[in-house]
Amino acid sequence: MINRTWAMPNKWTFKIKPIKELLDRYVGDGNNWVDPFAGMFSPAQITNDLNPNTNAKYHFEAYHFLKTYCSDNTFRGGLFDPPYSPRQVKECYEGFGRKVGFEDTKCTFYSKVKDELARIIKPDGLAICCGWNSMGLGKGRGFKQIEILLVAHGGNKNDTIVTVERKTKGVINGS
């Protein structure tokens, strides 16, 4: 199912009305959900954000947080709402005094976190990914798309694309 709507943009993705409504439908009270890039308004129960000025419970790099603190097949669902581009990574992280390095702007910055999210979500659990593409966690990580929400913001602003996927395999890469 693909839906397209319009809404004002917001620095905090989960405050955008149609995205919040989607999260309310799938995440509910956030019980047993994890968010490695939580920002300020994540509905997940377990929250992490590298920025110490957010209200996240933990403040580690997303990959390190998931790899170290989360066990296989533990969570009902995971949220993936990282900075969408190398420029956003730089703006977000340097905004609280962290030096951005080469590793922070490579494609593996995203793929390593996606691998870990796939590992920790239970079979039949959900992944909700936000960004400027509809890749989500993907079939190769054992997920099947069940909904796509395109949120147009007008003018020449990029749409925010939200994918909802269900884990169909027990572990990463279809094993």
N, C-alpha and C. Protein backbone atom coordinates (compact mmCIF):
# COMPACT_ATOMS: atom_id res chain seq x y z
N MET A 1 0.84 -1.17 0.00
CA MET A 1 0.00 0.00 0.00
C MET A 1 0.89 1.24 0.00
N ILE A 2 0.63 2.16 -0.91
CA ILE A 2 1.37 3.42 -0.98
C ILE A 2 0.38 4.57 -0.83
N ASN A 3 0.66 5.46 0.12
CA ASN A 3 -0.16 6.65 0.34
C ASN A 3 0.72 7.88 0.18
N ARG A 4 0.16 8.94 -0.39
CA ARG A 4 0.86 10.21 -0.51
C ARG A 4 -0.01 11.29 0.10
N THR A 5 0.65 12.15 0.87
CA THR A 5 -0.06 13.25 1.52
C THR A 5 0.88 14.46 1.57
N TRP A 6 0.36 15.57 2.03
CA TRP A 6 1.15 16.79 2.19
C TRP A 6 1.14 17.19 3.65
N ALA A 7 2.27 17.67 4.13
CA ALA A 7 2.35 18.22 5.49
C ALA A 7 3.55 19.16 5.57
N MET A 8 3.47 20.10 6.49
CA MET A 8 4.60 20.99 6.73
C MET A 8 5.80 20.17 7.20
N PRO A 9 7.00 20.53 6.77
CA PRO A 9 8.18 19.82 7.26
C PRO A 9 8.44 20.17 8.72
N ASN A 10 9.19 19.32 9.38
CA ASN A 10 9.58 19.57 10.78
C ASN A 10 10.91 18.90 11.01
N LYS A 11 11.80 19.57 11.67
CA LYS A 11 13.10 19.01 12.04
C LYS A 11 12.91 17.68 12.77
N TRP A 12 11.87 17.56 13.55
CA TRP A 12 11.57 16.35 14.31
C TRP A 12 10.54 15.54 13.53
N THR A 13 11.00 14.56 12.79
CA THR A 13 10.17 13.77 11.87
C THR A 13 8.88 13.28 12.51
N PHE A 14 8.97 12.81 13.75
CA PHE A 14 7.81 12.19 14.39
C PHE A 14 6.75 13.21 14.83
N LYS A 15 7.01 14.50 14.63
CA LYS A 15 6.03 15.55 14.90
C LYS A 15 5.22 15.91 13.64
N ILE A 16 5.62 15.39 12.49
CA ILE A 16 4.89 15.63 11.25
C ILE A 16 3.59 14.82 11.31
N LYS A 17 2.46 15.50 11.20
CA LYS A 17 1.16 14.90 11.51
C LYS A 17 0.91 13.53 10.85
N PRO A 18 1.05 13.36 9.54
CA PRO A 18 0.75 12.04 8.97
C PRO A 18 1.74 10.95 9.42
N ILE A 19 2.95 11.35 9.72
CA ILE A 19 3.93 10.37 10.23
C ILE A 19 3.58 9.99 11.65
N LYS A 20 3.21 10.97 12.46
CA LYS A 20 2.77 10.67 13.83
C LYS A 20 1.57 9.73 13.82
N GLU A 21 0.64 9.96 12.92
CA GLU A 21 -0.55 9.09 12.83
C GLU A 21 -0.17 7.67 12.44
N LEU A 22 0.77 7.53 11.52
CA LEU A 22 1.26 6.20 11.14
C LEU A 22 1.91 5.51 12.34
N LEU A 23 2.74 6.25 13.06
CA LEU A 23 3.41 5.68 14.24
C LEU A 23 2.39 5.28 15.31
N ASP A 24 1.36 6.10 15.50
CA ASP A 24 0.31 5.75 16.47
C ASP A 24 -0.34 4.42 16.11
N ARG A 25 -0.56 4.20 14.81
CA ARG A 25 -1.20 2.96 14.35
C ARG A 25 -0.31 1.73 14.60
N TYR A 26 0.98 1.85 14.29
CA TYR A 26 1.87 0.69 14.35
C TYR A 26 2.62 0.54 15.67
N VAL A 27 3.07 1.64 16.24
CA VAL A 27 3.93 1.59 17.43
C VAL A 27 3.10 1.65 18.71
N GLY A 28 2.00 2.37 18.67
CA GLY A 28 1.16 2.49 19.85
C GLY A 28 1.92 3.11 21.01
N ASP A 29 1.93 2.41 22.14
CA ASP A 29 2.59 2.95 23.34
C ASP A 29 4.11 2.79 23.32
N GLY A 30 4.65 2.19 22.25
CA GLY A 30 6.11 2.05 22.13
C GLY A 30 6.70 0.90 22.90
N ASN A 31 5.87 0.14 23.60
CA ASN A 31 6.37 -0.97 24.41
C ASN A 31 7.14 -1.97 23.54
N ASN A 32 8.37 -2.24 23.93
CA ASN A 32 9.26 -3.19 23.27
C ASN A 32 9.66 -2.74 21.86
N TRP A 33 9.73 -1.42 21.67
CA TRP A 33 10.27 -0.83 20.44
C TRP A 33 11.59 -0.15 20.78
N VAL A 34 12.49 -0.09 19.80
CA VAL A 34 13.80 0.53 19.98
C VAL A 34 14.02 1.58 18.89
N ASP A 35 14.73 2.65 19.25
CA ASP A 35 15.03 3.72 18.30
C ASP A 35 16.46 4.18 18.53
N PRO A 36 17.40 3.84 17.62
CA PRO A 36 18.80 4.22 17.80
C PRO A 36 19.14 5.67 17.44
N PHE A 37 18.21 6.39 16.78
CA PHE A 37 18.38 7.80 16.43
C PHE A 37 17.18 8.58 16.96
N ALA A 38 16.91 8.52 18.23
CA ALA A 38 15.63 8.92 18.81
C ALA A 38 15.30 10.40 18.75
N GLY A 39 16.25 11.27 18.75
CA GLY A 39 15.92 12.69 18.77
C GLY A 39 15.12 13.05 20.01
N MET A 40 14.08 13.87 19.82
CA MET A 40 13.32 14.38 20.97
C MET A 40 11.94 13.76 21.15
N PHE A 41 11.35 13.18 20.11
CA PHE A 41 9.94 12.80 20.21
C PHE A 41 9.67 11.36 19.77
N SER A 42 10.60 10.47 20.01
CA SER A 42 10.41 9.07 19.62
C SER A 42 9.35 8.40 20.49
N PRO A 43 8.47 7.61 19.88
CA PRO A 43 7.49 6.86 20.67
C PRO A 43 8.05 5.54 21.22
N ALA A 44 9.28 5.20 20.87
CA ALA A 44 9.86 3.93 21.30
C ALA A 44 10.14 3.91 22.81
N GLN A 45 10.06 2.74 23.38
CA GLN A 45 10.36 2.56 24.81
C GLN A 45 11.86 2.70 25.07
N ILE A 46 12.68 2.11 24.20
CA ILE A 46 14.14 2.15 24.36
C ILE A 46 14.69 3.14 23.35
N THR A 47 15.25 4.24 23.84
CA THR A 47 15.71 5.31 22.97
C THR A 47 17.19 5.59 23.15
N ASN A 48 17.82 5.91 22.03
CA ASN A 48 19.23 6.26 22.00
C ASN A 48 19.41 7.41 21.02
N ASP A 49 20.25 8.35 21.34
CA ASP A 49 20.62 9.40 20.40
C ASP A 49 22.01 9.88 20.79
N LEU A 50 22.87 10.01 19.82
CA LEU A 50 24.24 10.44 20.09
C LEU A 50 24.28 11.82 20.76
N ASN A 51 23.31 12.65 20.46
CA ASN A 51 23.27 14.00 21.01
C ASN A 51 22.86 13.94 22.49
N PRO A 52 23.74 14.36 23.39
CA PRO A 52 23.42 14.31 24.82
C PRO A 52 22.35 15.32 25.23
N ASN A 53 21.99 16.24 24.34
CA ASN A 53 20.97 17.24 24.66
C ASN A 53 19.55 16.77 24.34
N THR A 54 19.40 15.55 23.86
CA THR A 54 18.05 15.00 23.61
C THR A 54 17.58 14.29 24.87
N ASN A 55 16.29 13.92 24.87
CA ASN A 55 15.76 13.21 26.03
C ASN A 55 15.84 11.70 25.88
N ALA A 56 16.70 11.21 24.99
CA ALA A 56 16.91 9.77 24.84
C ALA A 56 17.51 9.20 26.12
N LYS A 57 17.22 7.93 26.36
CA LYS A 57 17.74 7.26 27.56
C LYS A 57 19.25 7.02 27.46
N TYR A 58 19.73 6.68 26.25
CA TYR A 58 21.15 6.39 26.01
C TYR A 58 21.71 7.38 25.01
N HIS A 59 23.05 7.56 25.05
CA HIS A 59 23.70 8.53 24.16
C HIS A 59 24.98 7.94 23.58
N PHE A 60 24.81 6.94 22.71
CA PHE A 60 25.93 6.28 22.05
C PHE A 60 25.77 6.40 20.54
N GLU A 61 26.83 6.10 19.80
CA GLU A 61 26.68 5.98 18.36
C GLU A 61 25.68 4.85 18.12
N ALA A 62 24.80 5.01 17.14
CA ALA A 62 23.70 4.07 16.92
C ALA A 62 24.18 2.64 16.73
N TYR A 63 25.19 2.43 15.91
CA TYR A 63 25.69 1.07 15.67
C TYR A 63 26.20 0.45 16.97
N HIS A 64 27.00 1.20 17.69
CA HIS A 64 27.57 0.71 18.96
C HIS A 64 26.45 0.38 19.96
N PHE A 65 25.46 1.24 20.04
CA PHE A 65 24.34 1.01 20.94
C PHE A 65 23.64 -0.30 20.62
N LEU A 66 23.26 -0.49 19.35
CA LEU A 66 22.54 -1.70 18.96
C LEU A 66 23.39 -2.95 19.12
N LYS A 67 24.65 -2.87 18.72
CA LYS A 67 25.57 -4.02 18.78
C LYS A 67 25.83 -4.43 20.22
N THR A 68 25.97 -3.48 21.11
CA THR A 68 26.38 -3.75 22.49
C THR A 68 25.23 -4.02 23.43
N TYR A 69 24.13 -3.31 23.28
CA TYR A 69 23.08 -3.35 24.29
C TYR A 69 21.81 -4.12 23.89
N CYS A 70 21.75 -4.63 22.67
CA CYS A 70 20.51 -5.26 22.20
C CYS A 70 20.75 -6.69 21.74
N SER A 71 19.95 -7.61 22.25
CA SER A 71 20.08 -9.03 21.92
C SER A 71 19.28 -9.39 20.67
N ASP A 72 19.65 -10.50 20.03
CA ASP A 72 18.96 -11.00 18.84
C ASP A 72 17.47 -11.20 19.11
N ASN A 73 16.67 -10.87 18.11
CA ASN A 73 15.24 -11.18 18.11
C ASN A 73 14.53 -10.78 19.41
N THR A 74 14.82 -9.58 19.90
CA THR A 74 14.30 -9.11 21.18
C THR A 74 13.09 -8.18 21.05
N PHE A 75 13.11 -7.31 20.05
CA PHE A 75 12.15 -6.21 20.00
C PHE A 75 10.98 -6.46 19.05
N ARG A 76 9.82 -5.95 19.45
CA ARG A 76 8.61 -5.97 18.62
C ARG A 76 8.78 -5.13 17.37
N GLY A 77 9.61 -4.10 17.48
CA GLY A 77 9.82 -3.22 16.35
C GLY A 77 10.98 -2.28 16.56
N GLY A 78 11.44 -1.71 15.44
CA GLY A 78 12.53 -0.75 15.48
C GLY A 78 12.23 0.43 14.57
N LEU A 79 12.66 1.60 15.00
CA LEU A 79 12.53 2.83 14.21
C LEU A 79 13.89 3.20 13.66
N PHE A 80 13.92 3.67 12.43
CA PHE A 80 15.16 4.09 11.78
C PHE A 80 14.92 5.46 11.17
N ASP A 81 15.35 6.51 11.87
CA ASP A 81 15.18 7.89 11.42
C ASP A 81 16.48 8.64 11.63
N PRO A 82 17.52 8.25 10.86
CA PRO A 82 18.82 8.90 11.03
C PRO A 82 18.85 10.24 10.30
N PRO A 83 19.94 11.00 10.46
CA PRO A 83 20.12 12.13 9.54
C PRO A 83 20.11 11.56 8.11
N TYR A 84 19.43 12.22 7.19
CA TYR A 84 19.16 11.65 5.87
C TYR A 84 20.31 11.77 4.87
N SER A 85 21.28 12.62 5.13
CA SER A 85 22.36 12.84 4.17
C SER A 85 23.64 13.16 4.94
N PRO A 86 24.80 13.05 4.27
CA PRO A 86 26.06 13.45 4.93
C PRO A 86 26.01 14.89 5.46
N ARG A 87 25.34 15.78 4.72
CA ARG A 87 25.22 17.16 5.19
C ARG A 87 24.44 17.22 6.50
N GLN A 88 23.33 16.46 6.59
CA GLN A 88 22.57 16.45 7.83
C GLN A 88 23.37 15.82 8.97
N VAL A 89 24.15 14.79 8.67
CA VAL A 89 25.01 14.20 9.70
C VAL A 89 25.92 15.28 10.26
N LYS A 90 26.55 16.02 9.37
CA LYS A 90 27.48 17.09 9.78
C LYS A 90 26.75 18.15 10.60
N GLU A 91 25.60 18.62 10.13
CA GLU A 91 24.86 19.65 10.84
C GLU A 91 24.39 19.17 12.21
N CYS A 92 23.85 17.95 12.26
CA CYS A 92 23.34 17.42 13.53
C CYS A 92 24.45 17.23 14.55
N TYR A 93 25.51 16.54 14.13
CA TYR A 93 26.55 16.15 15.09
C TYR A 93 27.46 17.31 15.48
N GLU A 94 27.81 18.17 14.52
CA GLU A 94 28.63 19.31 14.87
C GLU A 94 27.83 20.34 15.67
N GLY A 95 26.50 20.26 15.60
CA GLY A 95 25.63 21.15 16.35
C GLY A 95 25.78 21.00 17.86
N PHE A 96 26.30 19.87 18.31
CA PHE A 96 26.54 19.71 19.75
C PHE A 96 28.02 19.43 20.02
N GLY A 97 28.87 19.86 19.08
CA GLY A 97 30.30 19.86 19.33
C GLY A 97 31.05 18.59 19.00
N ARG A 98 30.45 17.66 18.27
CA ARG A 98 31.14 16.42 17.91
C ARG A 98 31.76 16.58 16.53
N LYS A 99 33.01 16.23 16.40
CA LYS A 99 33.69 16.29 15.10
C LYS A 99 33.18 15.15 14.23
N VAL A 100 32.79 15.47 12.99
CA VAL A 100 32.29 14.47 12.06
C VAL A 100 33.46 13.97 11.22
N GLY A 101 33.63 12.64 11.20
CA GLY A 101 34.71 12.03 10.45
C GLY A 101 34.21 11.34 9.19
N PHE A 102 35.14 10.80 8.44
CA PHE A 102 34.84 10.10 7.19
C PHE A 102 33.85 8.95 7.41
N GLU A 103 34.02 8.18 8.46
CA GLU A 103 33.13 7.05 8.74
C GLU A 103 31.67 7.48 8.95
N ASP A 104 31.47 8.69 9.44
CA ASP A 104 30.12 9.20 9.68
C ASP A 104 29.36 9.53 8.41
N THR A 105 30.06 9.67 7.29
CA THR A 105 29.40 10.09 6.06
C THR A 105 29.46 9.03 4.96
N LYS A 106 29.94 7.82 5.27
CA LYS A 106 29.96 6.73 4.30
C LYS A 106 28.60 6.01 4.30
N CYS A 107 28.30 5.31 3.22
CA CYS A 107 27.05 4.53 3.14
C CYS A 107 26.98 3.47 4.22
N THR A 108 28.13 2.97 4.65
CA THR A 108 28.13 1.94 5.70
C THR A 108 27.62 2.50 7.02
N PHE A 109 27.64 3.81 7.18
CA PHE A 109 27.07 4.44 8.37
C PHE A 109 25.63 3.96 8.55
N TYR A 110 24.88 3.89 7.43
CA TYR A 110 23.48 3.47 7.46
C TYR A 110 23.34 1.95 7.44
N SER A 111 24.08 1.28 6.56
CA SER A 111 23.89 -0.16 6.39
C SER A 111 24.26 -0.96 7.64
N LYS A 112 25.28 -0.53 8.36
CA LYS A 112 25.65 -1.24 9.59
C LYS A 112 24.54 -1.15 10.65
N VAL A 113 23.91 0.01 10.76
CA VAL A 113 22.81 0.18 11.72
C VAL A 113 21.60 -0.64 11.27
N LYS A 114 21.32 -0.65 9.97
CA LYS A 114 20.21 -1.45 9.46
C LYS A 114 20.44 -2.95 9.73
N ASP A 115 21.68 -3.41 9.55
CA ASP A 115 22.00 -4.82 9.85
C ASP A 115 21.68 -5.14 11.30
N GLU A 116 22.07 -4.24 12.19
CA GLU A 116 21.84 -4.48 13.62
C GLU A 116 20.36 -4.41 13.98
N LEU A 117 19.63 -3.47 13.39
CA LEU A 117 18.18 -3.41 13.63
C LEU A 117 17.52 -4.71 13.18
N ALA A 118 17.90 -5.21 12.01
CA ALA A 118 17.33 -6.46 11.51
C ALA A 118 17.62 -7.61 12.47
N ARG A 119 18.79 -7.61 13.06
CA ARG A 119 19.19 -8.67 13.99
C ARG A 119 18.34 -8.68 15.25
N ILE A 120 17.98 -7.51 15.75
CA ILE A 120 17.33 -7.45 17.07
C ILE A 120 15.81 -7.48 17.03
N ILE A 121 15.21 -7.28 15.83
CA ILE A 121 13.75 -7.32 15.72
C ILE A 121 13.30 -8.77 15.64
N LYS A 122 12.26 -9.10 16.41
CA LYS A 122 11.70 -10.45 16.44
C LYS A 122 11.10 -10.82 15.09
N PRO A 123 11.07 -12.12 14.75
CA PRO A 123 10.32 -12.53 13.56
C PRO A 123 8.87 -12.04 13.69
N ASP A 124 8.32 -11.57 12.61
CA ASP A 124 6.99 -10.99 12.52
C ASP A 124 6.93 -9.58 13.11
N GLY A 125 8.08 -9.06 13.60
CA GLY A 125 8.14 -7.70 14.11
C GLY A 125 8.20 -6.69 12.97
N LEU A 126 8.18 -5.42 13.33
CA LEU A 126 8.12 -4.34 12.35
C LEU A 126 9.34 -3.44 12.38
N ALA A 127 9.67 -2.92 11.21
CA ALA A 127 10.68 -1.86 11.09
C ALA A 127 10.00 -0.69 10.39
N ILE A 128 10.17 0.49 10.94
CA ILE A 128 9.64 1.70 10.32
C ILE A 128 10.84 2.61 10.05
N CYS A 129 11.08 2.86 8.75
CA CYS A 129 12.24 3.63 8.32
C CYS A 129 11.81 4.93 7.66
N CYS A 130 12.49 6.01 8.02
CA CYS A 130 12.21 7.33 7.44
C CYS A 130 13.44 7.81 6.69
N GLY A 131 13.21 8.51 5.59
CA GLY A 131 14.33 9.04 4.83
C GLY A 131 13.88 9.63 3.52
N TRP A 132 14.84 9.71 2.57
CA TRP A 132 14.55 10.23 1.25
C TRP A 132 14.49 9.12 0.21
N ASN A 133 14.42 7.86 0.67
CA ASN A 133 14.24 6.74 -0.25
C ASN A 133 13.34 5.71 0.42
N SER A 134 12.90 4.73 -0.35
CA SER A 134 11.97 3.73 0.17
C SER A 134 12.63 2.37 0.39
N MET A 135 13.93 2.36 0.60
CA MET A 135 14.64 1.08 0.75
C MET A 135 14.29 0.34 2.03
N GLY A 136 14.05 1.05 3.11
CA GLY A 136 13.78 0.38 4.38
C GLY A 136 14.95 -0.53 4.76
N LEU A 137 14.66 -1.58 5.53
CA LEU A 137 15.70 -2.55 5.87
C LEU A 137 15.90 -3.51 4.72
N GLY A 138 14.84 -3.87 4.02
CA GLY A 138 14.96 -4.60 2.78
C GLY A 138 14.84 -6.11 2.86
N LYS A 139 14.55 -6.67 1.70
CA LYS A 139 14.36 -8.10 1.53
C LYS A 139 15.60 -8.90 1.93
N GLY A 140 16.78 -8.39 1.60
CA GLY A 140 18.02 -9.07 1.93
C GLY A 140 18.26 -9.23 3.42
N ARG A 141 17.60 -8.41 4.21
CA ARG A 141 17.71 -8.52 5.67
C ARG A 141 16.50 -9.25 6.25
N GLY A 142 15.65 -9.80 5.37
CA GLY A 142 14.52 -10.60 5.82
C GLY A 142 13.24 -9.83 6.07
N PHE A 143 13.05 -8.69 5.41
CA PHE A 143 11.87 -7.86 5.62
C PHE A 143 11.05 -7.73 4.35
N LYS A 144 9.75 -7.58 4.53
CA LYS A 144 8.83 -7.38 3.42
C LYS A 144 8.05 -6.08 3.66
N GLN A 145 8.03 -5.20 2.66
CA GLN A 145 7.30 -3.94 2.80
C GLN A 145 5.81 -4.18 2.86
N ILE A 146 5.16 -3.48 3.81
CA ILE A 146 3.71 -3.59 3.90
C ILE A 146 3.03 -2.23 3.70
N GLU A 147 3.78 -1.14 3.86
CA GLU A 147 3.20 0.18 3.63
C GLU A 147 4.30 1.19 3.34
N ILE A 148 4.00 2.13 2.45
CA ILE A 148 4.88 3.25 2.16
C ILE A 148 4.06 4.52 2.27
N LEU A 149 4.57 5.49 3.00
CA LEU A 149 3.93 6.80 3.12
C LEU A 149 4.87 7.84 2.54
N LEU A 150 4.39 8.57 1.53
CA LEU A 150 5.14 9.68 0.95
C LEU A 150 4.56 10.97 1.51
N VAL A 151 5.39 11.76 2.15
CA VAL A 151 4.91 13.03 2.70
C VAL A 151 5.60 14.16 1.95
N ALA A 152 4.84 14.79 1.06
CA ALA A 152 5.34 15.94 0.31
C ALA A 152 5.33 17.16 1.22
N HIS A 153 6.33 18.04 1.02
CA HIS A 153 6.44 19.23 1.86
C HIS A 153 6.34 20.52 1.06
N GLY A 154 6.10 20.43 -0.23
CA GLY A 154 5.92 21.61 -1.06
C GLY A 154 7.22 22.19 -1.57
N GLY A 155 7.09 23.07 -2.54
CA GLY A 155 8.25 23.73 -3.12
C GLY A 155 9.25 22.71 -3.64
N ASN A 156 10.52 23.00 -3.42
CA ASN A 156 11.54 22.05 -3.87
C ASN A 156 12.12 21.25 -2.71
N LYS A 157 11.36 21.12 -1.64
CA LYS A 157 11.79 20.32 -0.49
C LYS A 157 11.60 18.83 -0.82
N ASN A 158 12.54 18.00 -0.38
CA ASN A 158 12.41 16.57 -0.57
C ASN A 158 11.22 16.03 0.21
N ASP A 159 10.54 15.04 -0.36
CA ASP A 159 9.51 14.32 0.39
C ASP A 159 10.17 13.54 1.52
N THR A 160 9.44 13.31 2.59
CA THR A 160 9.87 12.36 3.60
C THR A 160 9.18 11.05 3.25
N ILE A 161 9.94 9.99 3.12
CA ILE A 161 9.41 8.69 2.74
C ILE A 161 9.51 7.76 3.94
N VAL A 162 8.39 7.15 4.30
CA VAL A 162 8.33 6.26 5.45
C VAL A 162 7.94 4.87 4.96
N THR A 163 8.77 3.87 5.28
CA THR A 163 8.44 2.49 4.93
C THR A 163 8.11 1.72 6.20
N VAL A 164 7.12 0.86 6.10
CA VAL A 164 6.78 -0.04 7.18
C VAL A 164 7.00 -1.45 6.64
N GLU A 165 7.82 -2.24 7.35
CA GLU A 165 8.15 -3.58 6.90
C GLU A 165 7.96 -4.59 8.02
N ARG A 166 7.65 -5.81 7.63
CA ARG A 166 7.51 -6.91 8.59
C ARG A 166 8.66 -7.89 8.39
N LYS A 167 9.23 -8.34 9.50
CA LYS A 167 10.32 -9.31 9.44
C LYS A 167 9.74 -10.69 9.14
N THR A 168 10.20 -11.26 8.04
CA THR A 168 9.66 -12.55 7.61
C THR A 168 10.64 -13.69 7.84
N LYS A 169 11.87 -13.40 8.17
CA LYS A 169 12.88 -14.42 8.42
C LYS A 169 13.38 -14.29 9.84
N GLY A 170 13.93 -15.38 10.37
CA GLY A 170 14.40 -15.39 11.75
C GLY A 170 15.58 -14.51 12.03
N VAL A 171 16.52 -14.43 11.10
CA VAL A 171 17.71 -13.62 11.31
C VAL A 171 18.10 -12.92 10.03
N ILE A 172 19.12 -12.11 10.13
CA ILE A 172 19.59 -11.29 9.02
C ILE A 172 19.94 -12.12 7.79
N ASN A 173 19.78 -11.54 6.62
CA ASN A 173 20.11 -12.12 5.32
C ASN A 173 19.35 -13.40 5.01
N GLY A 174 18.14 -13.53 5.53
CA GLY A 174 17.26 -14.62 5.14
C GLY A 174 17.58 -15.96 5.74
N SER A 175 18.46 -16.03 6.72
CA SER A 175 18.80 -17.32 7.33
C SER A 175 17.68 -17.84 8.20
